[in-house]
PDB file of N, CA and C in Angstrom:
ATOM      1  N   MET A   1     -18.502  16.486  12.364  1.00  0.00           N
ATOM      2  CA  MET A   1     -17.884  15.959  13.570  1.00  0.00           C
ATOM      3  C   MET A   1     -17.917  17.060  14.632  1.00  0.00           C
ATOM      4  N   SER A   2     -18.450  16.739  15.766  1.00  0.00           N
ATOM      5  CA  SER A   2     -18.513  17.722  16.836  1.00  0.00           C
ATOM      6  C   SER A   2     -17.130  17.896  17.466  1.00  0.00           C
ATOM      7  N   ASP A   3     -16.961  19.008  18.195  1.00  0.00           N
ATOM      8  CA  ASP A   3     -15.665  19.311  18.806  1.00  0.00           C
ATOM      9  C   ASP A   3     -15.184  18.233  19.764  1.00  0.00           C
ATOM     10  N   GLU A   4     -16.119  17.588  20.483  1.00  0.00           N
ATOM     11  CA  GLU A   4     -15.682  16.578  21.435  1.00  0.00           C
ATOM     12  C   GLU A   4     -15.200  15.295  20.758  1.00  0.00           C
ATOM     13  N   ASN A   5     -15.552  15.091  19.494  1.00  0.00           N
ATOM     14  CA  ASN A   5     -15.108  13.896  18.765  1.00  0.00           C
ATOM     15  C   ASN A   5     -13.836  14.120  17.950  1.00  0.00           C
ATOM     16  N   LYS A   6     -13.381  15.359  17.872  1.00  0.00           N
ATOM     17  CA  LYS A   6     -12.163  15.658  17.111  1.00  0.00           C
ATOM     18  C   LYS A   6     -10.937  15.241  17.914  1.00  0.00           C
ATOM     19  N   PRO A   7      -9.884  14.763  17.220  1.00  0.00           N
ATOM     20  CA  PRO A   7      -8.665  14.414  17.961  1.00  0.00           C
ATOM     21  C   PRO A   7      -8.052  15.675  18.589  1.00  0.00           C
ATOM     22  N   GLY A   8      -7.560  15.543  19.772  1.00  0.00           N
ATOM     23  CA  GLY A   8      -6.983  16.680  20.483  1.00  0.00           C
ATOM     24  C   GLY A   8      -5.474  16.595  20.571  1.00  0.00           C
ATOM     25  N   TRP A   9      -4.905  17.497  21.328  1.00  0.00           N
ATOM     26  CA  TRP A   9      -3.454  17.577  21.454  1.00  0.00           C
ATOM     27  C   TRP A   9      -2.861  16.319  22.064  1.00  0.00           C
ATOM     28  N   LYS A  10      -3.639  15.590  22.835  1.00  0.00           N
ATOM     29  CA  LYS A  10      -3.127  14.385  23.479  1.00  0.00           C
ATOM     30  C   LYS A  10      -2.872  13.250  22.479  1.00  0.00           C
ATOM     31  N   THR A  11      -3.447  13.348  21.290  1.00  0.00           N
ATOM     32  CA  THR A  11      -3.252  12.287  20.281  1.00  0.00           C
ATOM     33  C   THR A  11      -2.024  12.532  19.408  1.00  0.00           C
ATOM     34  N   ILE A  12      -1.425  13.711  19.508  1.00  0.00           N
ATOM     35  CA  ILE A  12      -0.232  14.027  18.715  1.00  0.00           C
ATOM     36  C   ILE A  12       0.980  13.389  19.401  1.00  0.00           C
ATOM     37  N   PRO A  13       1.805  12.654  18.642  1.00  0.00           N
ATOM     38  CA  PRO A  13       3.002  12.044  19.253  1.00  0.00           C
ATOM     39  C   PRO A  13       3.925  13.110  19.852  1.00  0.00           C
ATOM     40  N   ILE A  14       4.588  12.777  20.937  1.00  0.00           N
ATOM     41  CA  ILE A  14       5.516  13.696  21.591  1.00  0.00           C
ATOM     42  C   ILE A  14       6.562  14.162  20.580  1.00  0.00           C
ATOM     43  N   GLY A  15       6.761  15.449  20.507  1.00  0.00           N
ATOM     44  CA  GLY A  15       7.750  16.022  19.593  1.00  0.00           C
ATOM     45  C   GLY A  15       7.319  15.978  18.138  1.00  0.00           C
ATOM     46  N   GLY A  16       6.059  15.635  17.863  1.00  0.00           N
ATOM     47  CA  GLY A  16       5.592  15.563  16.482  1.00  0.00           C
ATOM     48  C   GLY A  16       6.270  14.463  15.685  1.00  0.00           C
ATOM     49  N   MET A  17       6.745  13.429  16.384  1.00  0.00           N
ATOM     50  CA  MET A  17       7.471  12.342  15.720  1.00  0.00           C
ATOM     51  C   MET A  17       6.593  11.642  14.690  1.00  0.00           C
ATOM     52  N   ILE A  18       7.222  11.131  13.638  1.00  0.00           N
ATOM     53  CA  ILE A  18       6.539  10.332  12.635  1.00  0.00           C
ATOM     54  C   ILE A  18       6.680   8.880  13.054  1.00  0.00           C
ATOM     55  N   LEU A  19       5.575   8.260  13.370  1.00  0.00           N
ATOM     56  CA  LEU A  19       5.613   6.908  13.914  1.00  0.00           C
ATOM     57  C   LEU A  19       5.496   5.829  12.847  1.00  0.00           C
ATOM     58  N   GLU A  20       5.013   6.180  11.677  1.00  0.00           N
ATOM     59  CA  GLU A  20       4.821   5.214  10.603  1.00  0.00           C
ATOM     60  C   GLU A  20       6.029   5.255   9.666  1.00  0.00           C
ATOM     61  N   ALA A  21       6.803   4.200   9.657  1.00  0.00           N
ATOM     62  CA  ALA A  21       7.998   4.158   8.807  1.00  0.00           C
ATOM     63  C   ALA A  21       7.613   4.098   7.336  1.00  0.00           C
ATOM     64  N   GLY A  22       8.412   4.744   6.504  1.00  0.00           N
ATOM     65  CA  GLY A  22       8.218   4.667   5.066  1.00  0.00           C
ATOM     66  C   GLY A  22       7.029   5.442   4.536  1.00  0.00           C
ATOM     67  N   ASN A  23       6.555   6.431   5.267  1.00  0.00           N
ATOM     68  CA  ASN A  23       5.365   7.142   4.816  1.00  0.00           C
ATOM     69  C   ASN A  23       5.657   8.200   3.755  1.00  0.00           C
ATOM     70  N   ALA A  24       6.914   8.468   3.447  1.00  0.00           N
ATOM     71  CA  ALA A  24       7.263   9.492   2.462  1.00  0.00           C
ATOM     72  C   ALA A  24       6.771   9.137   1.063  1.00  0.00           C
ATOM     73  N   GLU A  25       6.632   7.851   0.771  1.00  0.00           N
ATOM     74  CA  GLU A  25       6.144   7.444  -0.548  1.00  0.00           C
ATOM     75  C   GLU A  25       4.738   7.959  -0.811  1.00  0.00           C
ATOM     76  N   LYS A  26       3.973   8.224   0.230  1.00  0.00           N
ATOM     77  CA  LYS A  26       2.595   8.686   0.084  1.00  0.00           C
ATOM     78  C   LYS A  26       2.506  10.155  -0.310  1.00  0.00           C
ATOM     79  N   TYR A  27       3.569  10.914  -0.098  1.00  0.00           N
ATOM     80  CA  TYR A  27       3.522  12.356  -0.289  1.00  0.00           C
ATOM     81  C   TYR A  27       4.468  12.784  -1.413  1.00  0.00           C
ATOM     82  N   LYS A  28       3.898  13.353  -2.467  1.00  0.00           N
ATOM     83  CA  LYS A  28       4.709  13.854  -3.575  1.00  0.00           C
ATOM     84  C   LYS A  28       5.224  15.239  -3.188  1.00  0.00           C
ATOM     85  N   THR A  29       6.497  15.294  -2.860  1.00  0.00           N
ATOM     86  CA  THR A  29       7.091  16.545  -2.377  1.00  0.00           C
ATOM     87  C   THR A  29       7.928  17.238  -3.437  1.00  0.00           C
ATOM     88  N   GLY A  30       7.966  16.683  -4.640  1.00  0.00           N
ATOM     89  CA  GLY A  30       8.781  17.247  -5.704  1.00  0.00           C
ATOM     90  C   GLY A  30       8.318  18.593  -6.210  1.00  0.00           C
ATOM     91  N   ASP A  31       7.062  18.956  -5.958  1.00  0.00           N
ATOM     92  CA  ASP A  31       6.612  20.254  -6.458  1.00  0.00           C
ATOM     93  C   ASP A  31       7.131  21.419  -5.625  1.00  0.00           C
ATOM     94  N   TRP A  32       7.952  21.168  -4.633  1.00  0.00           N
ATOM     95  CA  TRP A  32       8.636  22.235  -3.894  1.00  0.00           C
ATOM     96  C   TRP A  32       9.828  22.755  -4.680  1.00  0.00           C
ATOM     97  N   ARG A  33      10.240  21.980  -5.655  1.00  0.00           N
ATOM     98  CA  ARG A  33      11.478  22.229  -6.386  1.00  0.00           C
ATOM     99  C   ARG A  33      11.512  23.583  -7.092  1.00  0.00           C
ATOM    100  N   THR A  34      12.695  24.204  -7.071  1.00  0.00           N
ATOM    101  CA  THR A  34      12.972  25.383  -7.883  1.00  0.00           C
ATOM    102  C   THR A  34      13.889  24.998  -9.030  1.00  0.00           C
ATOM    103  N   PHE A  35      14.767  24.031  -8.769  1.00  0.00           N
ATOM    104  CA  PHE A  35      15.695  23.541  -9.791  1.00  0.00           C
ATOM    105  C   PHE A  35      15.531  22.043  -9.956  1.00  0.00           C
ATOM    106  N   ARG A  36      15.692  21.568 -11.194  1.00  0.00           N
ATOM    107  CA  ARG A  36      15.522  20.153 -11.523  1.00  0.00           C
ATOM    108  C   ARG A  36      16.837  19.597 -12.055  1.00  0.00           C
ATOM    109  N   PRO A  37      17.291  18.465 -11.527  1.00  0.00           N
ATOM    110  CA  PRO A  37      18.523  17.864 -12.043  1.00  0.00           C
ATOM    111  C   PRO A  37      18.296  17.236 -13.425  1.00  0.00           C
ATOM    112  N   GLN A  38      19.254  17.442 -14.300  1.00  0.00           N
ATOM    113  CA  GLN A  38      19.248  16.829 -15.623  1.00  0.00           C
ATOM    114  C   GLN A  38      20.598  16.154 -15.812  1.00  0.00           C
ATOM    115  N   ARG A  39      20.569  14.903 -16.272  1.00  0.00           N
ATOM    116  CA  ARG A  39      21.798  14.114 -16.396  1.00  0.00           C
ATOM    117  C   ARG A  39      22.185  13.960 -17.856  1.00  0.00           C
ATOM    118  N   ASP A  40      23.448  14.185 -18.140  1.00  0.00           N
ATOM    119  CA  ASP A  40      24.013  13.931 -19.471  1.00  0.00           C
ATOM    120  C   ASP A  40      24.415  12.456 -19.500  1.00  0.00           C
ATOM    121  N   HIS A  41      23.631  11.643 -20.181  1.00  0.00           N
ATOM    122  CA  HIS A  41      23.854  10.195 -20.197  1.00  0.00           C
ATOM    123  C   HIS A  41      25.206   9.813 -20.794  1.00  0.00           C
ATOM    124  N   ASP A  42      25.685  10.617 -21.737  1.00  0.00           N
ATOM    125  CA  ASP A  42      26.975  10.318 -22.375  1.00  0.00           C
ATOM    126  C   ASP A  42      28.148  10.516 -21.418  1.00  0.00           C
ATOM    127  N   LYS A  43      28.045  11.487 -20.506  1.00  0.00           N
ATOM    128  CA  LYS A  43      29.129  11.756 -19.555  1.00  0.00           C
ATOM    129  C   LYS A  43      29.075  10.864 -18.315  1.00  0.00           C
ATOM    130  N   CYS A  44      27.873  10.363 -18.002  1.00  0.00           N
ATOM    131  CA  CYS A  44      27.673   9.593 -16.769  1.00  0.00           C
ATOM    132  C   CYS A  44      28.445   8.275 -16.806  1.00  0.00           C
ATOM    133  N   THR A  45      29.184   8.006 -15.734  1.00  0.00           N
ATOM    134  CA  THR A  45      29.967   6.767 -15.621  1.00  0.00           C
ATOM    135  C   THR A  45      29.273   5.736 -14.728  1.00  0.00           C
ATOM    136  N   ASN A  46      28.071   6.063 -14.237  1.00  0.00           N
ATOM    137  CA  ASN A  46      27.325   5.194 -13.321  1.00  0.00           C
ATOM    138  C   ASN A  46      28.123   4.834 -12.072  1.00  0.00           C
ATOM    139  N   CYS A  47      28.823   5.809 -11.537  1.00  0.00           N
ATOM    140  CA  CYS A  47      29.565   5.593 -10.293  1.00  0.00           C
ATOM    141  C   CYS A  47      28.609   5.499  -9.101  1.00  0.00           C
ATOM    142  N   MET A  48      27.400   5.994  -9.270  1.00  0.00           N
ATOM    143  CA  MET A  48      26.324   5.969  -8.281  1.00  0.00           C
ATOM    144  C   MET A  48      26.581   6.826  -7.042  1.00  0.00           C
ATOM    145  N   ILE A  49      27.510   7.748  -7.139  1.00  0.00           N
ATOM    146  CA  ILE A  49      27.740   8.669  -6.025  1.00  0.00           C
ATOM    147  C   ILE A  49      26.506   9.539  -5.813  1.00  0.00           C
ATOM    148  N   CYS A  50      25.865   9.959  -6.900  1.00  0.00           N
ATOM    149  CA  CYS A  50      24.641  10.755  -6.771  1.00  0.00           C
ATOM    150  C   CYS A  50      23.578   9.978  -6.005  1.00  0.00           C
ATOM    151  N   PHE A  51      23.436   8.709  -6.309  1.00  0.00           N
ATOM    152  CA  PHE A  51      22.475   7.825  -5.638  1.00  0.00           C
ATOM    153  C   PHE A  51      22.775   7.735  -4.141  1.00  0.00           C
ATOM    154  N   MET A  52      24.048   7.601  -3.806  1.00  0.00           N
ATOM    155  CA  MET A  52      24.438   7.456  -2.398  1.00  0.00           C
ATOM    156  C   MET A  52      24.192   8.728  -1.592  1.00  0.00           C
ATOM    157  N   TYR A  53      24.367   9.898  -2.214  1.00  0.00           N
ATOM    158  CA  TYR A  53      24.238  11.157  -1.483  1.00  0.00           C
ATOM    159  C   TYR A  53      22.838  11.757  -1.513  1.00  0.00           C
ATOM    160  N   CYS A  54      21.957  11.293  -2.381  1.00  0.00           N
ATOM    161  CA  CYS A  54      20.614  11.874  -2.486  1.00  0.00           C
ATOM    162  C   CYS A  54      19.866  11.700  -1.164  1.00  0.00           C
ATOM    163  N   PRO A  55      19.495  12.806  -0.499  1.00  0.00           N
ATOM    164  CA  PRO A  55      18.820  12.686   0.798  1.00  0.00           C
ATOM    165  C   PRO A  55      17.365  12.231   0.691  1.00  0.00           C
ATOM    166  N   ASP A  56      16.816  12.215  -0.523  1.00  0.00           N
ATOM    167  CA  ASP A  56      15.414  11.857  -0.695  1.00  0.00           C
ATOM    168  C   ASP A  56      15.213  10.524  -1.399  1.00  0.00           C
ATOM    169  N   SER A  57      16.292   9.793  -1.654  1.00  0.00           N
ATOM    170  CA  SER A  57      16.216   8.528  -2.393  1.00  0.00           C
ATOM    171  C   SER A  57      15.454   8.730  -3.698  1.00  0.00           C
ATOM    172  N   ALA A  58      15.743   9.839  -4.381  1.00  0.00           N
ATOM    173  CA  ALA A  58      15.034  10.207  -5.607  1.00  0.00           C
ATOM    174  C   ALA A  58      15.814   9.842  -6.868  1.00  0.00           C
ATOM    175  N   ILE A  59      16.813   8.990  -6.724  1.00  0.00           N
ATOM    176  CA  ILE A  59      17.574   8.531  -7.887  1.00  0.00           C
ATOM    177  C   ILE A  59      17.419   7.010  -7.941  1.00  0.00           C
ATOM    178  N   PRO A  60      16.474   6.544  -8.747  1.00  0.00           N
ATOM    179  CA  PRO A  60      16.244   5.098  -8.822  1.00  0.00           C
ATOM    180  C   PRO A  60      17.341   4.386  -9.613  1.00  0.00           C
ATOM    181  N   LEU A  61      17.523   3.119  -9.317  1.00  0.00           N
ATOM    182  CA  LEU A  61      18.480   2.285 -10.035  1.00  0.00           C
ATOM    183  C   LEU A  61      17.718   1.221 -10.820  1.00  0.00           C
ATOM    184  N   LYS A  62      18.277   0.856 -11.963  1.00  0.00           N
ATOM    185  CA  LYS A  62      17.733  -0.245 -12.760  1.00  0.00           C
ATOM    186  C   LYS A  62      18.923  -1.018 -13.300  1.00  0.00           C
ATOM    187  N   ASP A  63      18.936  -2.308 -13.061  1.00  0.00           N
ATOM    188  CA  ASP A  63      20.059  -3.155 -13.479  1.00  0.00           C
ATOM    189  C   ASP A  63      21.391  -2.610 -12.970  1.00  0.00           C
ATOM    190  N   GLU A  64      21.390  -2.149 -11.714  1.00  0.00           N
ATOM    191  CA  GLU A  64      22.574  -1.612 -11.033  1.00  0.00           C
ATOM    192  C   GLU A  64      23.165  -0.386 -11.719  1.00  0.00           C
ATOM    193  N   LYS A  65      22.303   0.404 -12.386  1.00  0.00           N
ATOM    194  CA  LYS A  65      22.717   1.659 -13.012  1.00  0.00           C
ATOM    195  C   LYS A  65      21.703   2.739 -12.675  1.00  0.00           C
ATOM    196  N   VAL A  66      22.165   3.993 -12.698  1.00  0.00           N
ATOM    197  CA  VAL A  66      21.277   5.122 -12.441  1.00  0.00           C
ATOM    198  C   VAL A  66      20.210   5.147 -13.528  1.00  0.00           C
ATOM    199  N   ASP A  67      18.950   5.292 -13.097  1.00  0.00           N
ATOM    200  CA  ASP A  67      17.833   5.268 -14.037  1.00  0.00           C
ATOM    201  C   ASP A  67      17.035   6.567 -13.940  1.00  0.00           C
ATOM    202  N   GLY A  68      17.706   7.692 -14.093  1.00  0.00           N
ATOM    203  CA  GLY A  68      17.030   8.986 -14.074  1.00  0.00           C
ATOM    204  C   GLY A  68      16.783   9.504 -12.676  1.00  0.00           C
ATOM    205  N   PHE A  69      15.674  10.245 -12.540  1.00  0.00           N
ATOM    206  CA  PHE A  69      15.321  10.877 -11.269  1.00  0.00           C
ATOM    207  C   PHE A  69      13.844  10.645 -10.980  1.00  0.00           C
ATOM    208  N   ASP A  70      13.518  10.497  -9.725  1.00  0.00           N
ATOM    209  CA  ASP A  70      12.133  10.397  -9.285  1.00  0.00           C
ATOM    210  C   ASP A  70      11.680  11.820  -8.977  1.00  0.00           C
ATOM    211  N   TYR A  71      11.104  12.482  -9.984  1.00  0.00           N
ATOM    212  CA  TYR A  71      10.730  13.881  -9.825  1.00  0.00           C
ATOM    213  C   TYR A  71       9.526  14.076  -8.897  1.00  0.00           C
ATOM    214  N   ASP A  72       8.814  13.004  -8.554  1.00  0.00           N
ATOM    215  CA  ASP A  72       7.737  13.128  -7.576  1.00  0.00           C
ATOM    216  C   ASP A  72       8.293  13.427  -6.189  1.00  0.00           C
ATOM    217  N   HIS A  73       9.553  12.993  -5.931  1.00  0.00           N
ATOM    218  CA  HIS A  73      10.137  13.163  -4.599  1.00  0.00           C
ATOM    219  C   HIS A  73      11.405  14.025  -4.567  1.00  0.00           C
ATOM    220  N   CYS A  74      12.016  14.277  -5.722  1.00  0.00           N
ATOM    221  CA  CYS A  74      13.215  15.126  -5.783  1.00  0.00           C
ATOM    222  C   CYS A  74      12.834  16.559  -5.432  1.00  0.00           C
ATOM    223  N   LYS A  75      13.550  17.131  -4.470  1.00  0.00           N
ATOM    224  CA  LYS A  75      13.271  18.506  -4.046  1.00  0.00           C
ATOM    225  C   LYS A  75      14.222  19.517  -4.672  1.00  0.00           C
ATOM    226  N   GLY A  76      15.112  19.044  -5.546  1.00  0.00           N
ATOM    227  CA  GLY A  76      15.991  19.958  -6.267  1.00  0.00           C
ATOM    228  C   GLY A  76      17.089  20.559  -5.429  1.00  0.00           C
ATOM    229  N   CYS A  77      17.583  19.837  -4.451  1.00  0.00           N
ATOM    230  CA  CYS A  77      18.604  20.378  -3.547  1.00  0.00           C
ATOM    231  C   CYS A  77      19.951  20.570  -4.248  1.00  0.00           C
ATOM    232  N   GLY A  78      20.225  19.770  -5.286  1.00  0.00           N
ATOM    233  CA  GLY A  78      21.465  19.907  -6.043  1.00  0.00           C
ATOM    234  C   GLY A  78      22.645  19.137  -5.486  1.00  0.00           C
ATOM    235  N   ILE A  79      22.436  18.353  -4.440  1.00  0.00           N
ATOM    236  CA  ILE A  79      23.538  17.571  -3.874  1.00  0.00           C
ATOM    237  C   ILE A  79      24.082  16.598  -4.910  1.00  0.00           C
ATOM    238  N   CYS A  80      23.191  16.004  -5.713  1.00  0.00           N
ATOM    239  CA  CYS A  80      23.633  15.051  -6.736  1.00  0.00           C
ATOM    240  C   CYS A  80      24.584  15.734  -7.714  1.00  0.00           C
ATOM    241  N   ALA A  81      24.250  16.939  -8.160  1.00  0.00           N
ATOM    242  CA  ALA A  81      25.097  17.677  -9.106  1.00  0.00           C
ATOM    243  C   ALA A  81      26.421  18.079  -8.464  1.00  0.00           C
ATOM    244  N   LYS A  82      26.363  18.481  -7.219  1.00  0.00           N
ATOM    245  CA  LYS A  82      27.570  18.914  -6.504  1.00  0.00           C
ATOM    246  C   LYS A  82      28.532  17.744  -6.286  1.00  0.00           C
ATOM    247  N   MET A  83      28.012  16.569  -5.991  1.00  0.00           N
ATOM    248  CA  MET A  83      28.854  15.422  -5.668  1.00  0.00           C
ATOM    249  C   MET A  83      29.336  14.654  -6.899  1.00  0.00           C
ATOM    250  N   CYS A  84      28.712  14.865  -8.040  1.00  0.00           N
ATOM    251  CA  CYS A  84      29.064  14.111  -9.249  1.00  0.00           C
ATOM    252  C   CYS A  84      30.507  14.401  -9.665  1.00  0.00           C
ATOM    253  N   PRO A  85      31.369  13.373  -9.685  1.00  0.00           N
ATOM    254  CA  PRO A  85      32.779  13.602 -10.006  1.00  0.00           C
ATOM    255  C   PRO A  85      33.032  13.969 -11.474  1.00  0.00           C
ATOM    256  N   VAL A  86      32.113  13.601 -12.385  1.00  0.00           N
ATOM    257  CA  VAL A  86      32.310  13.924 -13.806  1.00  0.00           C
ATOM    258  C   VAL A  86      31.420  15.081 -14.261  1.00  0.00           C
ATOM    259  N   LYS A  87      30.697  15.656 -13.323  1.00  0.00           N
ATOM    260  CA  LYS A  87      29.825  16.820 -13.571  1.00  0.00           C
ATOM    261  C   LYS A  87      28.841  16.571 -14.713  1.00  0.00           C
ATOM    262  N   CYS A  88      28.181  15.409 -14.665  1.00  0.00           N
ATOM    263  CA  CYS A  88      27.200  15.091 -15.706  1.00  0.00           C
ATOM    264  C   CYS A  88      25.786  15.514 -15.315  1.00  0.00           C
ATOM    265  N   ILE A  89      25.616  16.046 -14.104  1.00  0.00           N
ATOM    266  CA  ILE A  89      24.295  16.497 -13.657  1.00  0.00           C
ATOM    267  C   ILE A  89      24.305  18.013 -13.557  1.00  0.00           C
ATOM    268  N   GLU A  90      23.323  18.606 -14.212  1.00  0.00           N
ATOM    269  CA  GLU A  90      23.196  20.062 -14.201  1.00  0.00           C
ATOM    270  C   GLU A  90      21.826  20.414 -13.633  1.00  0.00           C
ATOM    271  N   MET A  91      21.776  21.416 -12.787  1.00  0.00           N
ATOM    272  CA  MET A  91      20.515  21.868 -12.213  1.00  0.00           C
ATOM    273  C   MET A  91      19.926  22.931 -13.136  1.00  0.00           C
ATOM    274  N   LYS A  92      18.687  22.674 -13.587  1.00  0.00           N
ATOM    275  CA  LYS A  92      18.013  23.595 -14.503  1.00  0.00           C
ATOM    276  C   LYS A  92      16.789  24.184 -13.810  1.00  0.00           C
ATOM    277  N   ASP A  93      16.427  25.380 -14.211  1.00  0.00           N
ATOM    278  CA  ASP A  93      15.269  26.067 -13.633  1.00  0.00           C
ATOM    279  C   ASP A  93      14.004  25.255 -13.897  1.00  0.00           C
ATOM    280  N   GLU A  94      13.240  25.001 -12.863  1.00  0.00           N
ATOM    281  CA  GLU A  94      12.016  24.201 -12.974  1.00  0.00           C
ATOM    282  C   GLU A  94      11.006  24.824 -13.939  1.00  0.00           C
ATOM    283  N   ASN A  95      11.019  26.127 -14.056  1.00  0.00           N
ATOM    284  CA  ASN A  95      10.079  26.808 -14.949  1.00  0.00           C
ATOM    285  C   ASN A  95      10.328  26.496 -16.422  1.00  0.00           C
ATOM    286  N   ASP A  96      11.492  25.937 -16.745  1.00  0.00           N
ATOM    287  CA  ASP A  96      11.795  25.588 -18.127  1.00  0.00           C
ATOM    288  C   ASP A  96      11.089  24.316 -18.572  1.00  0.00           C
ATOM    289  N   PHE A  97      10.427  23.615 -17.655  1.00  0.00           N
ATOM    290  CA  PHE A  97       9.782  22.339 -17.956  1.00  0.00           C
ATOM    291  C   PHE A  97       8.266  22.494 -17.868  1.00  0.00           C
ATOM    292  N   LYS A  98       7.567  21.811 -18.742  1.00  0.00           N
ATOM    293  CA  LYS A  98       6.108  21.950 -18.781  1.00  0.00           C
ATOM    294  C   LYS A  98       5.382  20.741 -18.222  1.00  0.00           C
ATOM    295  N   ASP A  99       6.107  19.669 -17.886  1.00  0.00           N
ATOM    296  CA  ASP A  99       5.430  18.486 -17.360  1.00  0.00           C
ATOM    297  C   ASP A  99       5.152  18.703 -15.928  1.00  0.00           C
TER     298      ASP A  99
END
């Protein structure tokens, strides 16, 4: 592609805005993580507070209950662990996992 055919600065949205809604599903951002949330299923009361506070929507629900974590999009911020009233979520070092 020659230089005159390349998109220029005029094609970038003002302020670098994201114009396409819902595009986060296309990008796996979970590999930024340093810590990974792990849930103790026996302690969990399914209050769903972790789900409500997760800024990345990385806590899926199944049959109106917490169904683990979406590690493709979880960035390991730890908000879920901090907000959990029964402390059933623990943040573990990402290096401890091989998947």
